[in-house]
Every structure is written in C-alpha cells, then in structure tokens.
Amino acid sequence: MPRRALDLRVRQSQELNEIRAAVDQTLRAAFKERISEAQAAGDISPDLPLNSIVDFLWASFVGIRVAARGGATDGQLQALGQLTLRALR
C-alpha cells in the first residue's frame, strides 16, 4: 500500500476514534442524567452505583445490538430489554 494511502487510513481511523469517544461521552452523560432521575423517582434502586448502572446498560445495549444482527426475533430482543431493565429494580 502506498505511503500516502496508509497515512490517510491512519488519519481516518484516528478521526473515527475521536468521533466514537465523543458519542460515547455524550450517551453516557445522557444515561447518567436519566438514571439519576429514575433513581429519584424510585424506578431504579437508589442503592446501585450510578457508574455501574451506566456500564451495565451500555454492555446490555451492545449485547442486544449483537443479538439483533445475529437474527434474534423482535420478541427475543424485547425480552432482553425487559430483563435488562428488570435487573435494575
């Protein structure tokens, strides 16, 4: 691969990583805000640490996306989502 093309790929990869990091930070901030509200309303256990809940939801979200790509049915995906939320009560 020519040097210029390689440099371009590296730069694009770095830019993509920066975009992913910004999106991750924004989504996690939104998760924290909503989780705090849900804890205050009694919908999520106030005993659970906020950052742990965010990590759990993030991992669950990724897992559900993988299941969807793998051919899971709508019913299966809904069940996964319900179980995820149920774990937080």
Protein backbone atom coordinates (compact mmCIF):
# COMPACT_ATOMS: atom_id res chain seq x y z
CA MET A 1 0.00 0.00 0.00
CA PRO A 2 1.44 3.40 -0.92
CA ARG A 3 2.58 5.59 1.97
CA ARG A 4 0.00 8.33 1.26
CA ALA A 5 -2.87 5.88 1.33
CA LEU A 6 -1.62 4.42 4.59
CA ASP A 7 -1.31 7.89 6.15
CA LEU A 8 -4.87 8.67 5.07
CA ARG A 9 -6.18 5.45 6.59
CA VAL A 10 -4.41 6.15 9.87
CA ARG A 11 -5.79 9.69 9.97
CA GLN A 12 -9.31 8.47 9.20
CA SER A 13 -9.00 5.83 11.89
CA GLN A 14 -7.90 8.45 14.42
CA GLU A 15 -10.79 10.73 13.45
CA LEU A 16 -13.24 7.85 13.74
CA ASN A 17 -11.91 7.03 17.21
CA GLU A 18 -12.35 10.67 18.24
CA ILE A 19 -15.95 10.66 16.97
CA ARG A 20 -16.69 7.40 18.80
CA ALA A 21 -15.22 8.80 22.02
CA ALA A 22 -17.35 11.96 21.74
CA VAL A 23 -20.51 9.93 21.07
CA ASP A 24 -19.67 7.60 23.97
CA GLN A 25 -19.21 10.54 26.32
CA THR A 26 -22.47 12.18 25.21
CA LEU A 27 -24.51 8.99 25.51
CA ARG A 28 -23.05 8.13 28.90
CA ALA A 29 -23.86 11.63 30.17
CA ALA A 30 -27.45 11.23 28.96
CA PHE A 31 -27.66 7.79 30.59
CA LYS A 32 -26.44 9.24 33.89
CA GLU A 33 -28.97 12.03 33.81
CA ARG A 34 -31.90 9.71 33.12
CA ILE A 35 -30.72 7.10 35.60
CA SER A 36 -30.44 9.73 38.32
CA GLU A 37 -34.00 10.81 37.56
CA ALA A 38 -35.21 7.19 37.63
CA GLN A 39 -33.47 6.59 40.95
CA ALA A 40 -35.05 9.71 42.43
CA ALA A 41 -38.47 8.55 41.18
CA GLY A 42 -37.95 5.07 42.66
CA ASP A 43 -37.93 3.31 39.29
CA ILE A 44 -34.31 2.17 39.72
CA SER A 45 -32.82 1.10 43.02
CA PRO A 46 -31.02 4.03 44.67
CA ASP A 47 -28.57 1.51 46.20
CA LEU A 48 -26.98 0.79 42.83
CA PRO A 49 -23.92 2.91 41.92
CA LEU A 50 -24.62 5.25 39.00
CA ASN A 51 -21.48 4.43 37.00
CA SER A 52 -22.08 0.70 37.41
CA ILE A 53 -25.61 1.09 36.08
CA VAL A 54 -24.31 3.03 33.08
CA ASP A 55 -21.74 0.32 32.36
CA PHE A 56 -24.36 -2.42 32.75
CA LEU A 57 -26.83 -0.68 30.44
CA TRP A 58 -24.12 0.06 27.90
CA ALA A 59 -22.99 -3.58 27.85
CA SER A 60 -26.60 -4.76 27.61
CA PHE A 61 -27.29 -2.34 24.77
CA VAL A 62 -24.29 -3.63 22.85
CA GLY A 63 -25.35 -7.22 23.50
CA ILE A 64 -28.87 -6.56 22.24
CA ARG A 65 -27.43 -4.98 19.07
CA VAL A 66 -25.28 -8.06 18.51
CA ALA A 67 -28.31 -10.31 19.04
CA ALA A 68 -30.29 -8.25 16.52
CA ARG A 69 -27.53 -8.54 13.94
CA GLY A 70 -27.40 -12.25 14.65
CA GLY A 71 -31.04 -12.70 13.72
CA ALA A 72 -32.87 -12.52 17.05
CA THR A 73 -36.61 -12.02 16.71
CA ASP A 74 -38.41 -8.88 17.87
CA GLY A 75 -39.81 -10.87 20.77
CA GLN A 76 -36.37 -12.04 21.82
CA LEU A 77 -34.98 -8.51 21.64
CA GLN A 78 -37.87 -7.15 23.68
CA ALA A 79 -37.34 -9.86 26.29
CA LEU A 80 -33.65 -8.95 26.54
CA GLY A 81 -34.55 -5.29 27.03
CA GLN A 82 -37.15 -6.12 29.69
CA LEU A 83 -34.70 -8.35 31.56
CA THR A 84 -32.09 -5.63 31.47
CA LEU A 85 -34.45 -3.08 32.99
CA ARG A 86 -35.80 -5.59 35.49
CA ALA A 87 -32.29 -6.14 36.85
CA LEU A 88 -32.15 -2.50 37.95
CA ARG A 89 -35.13 -2.58 40.29
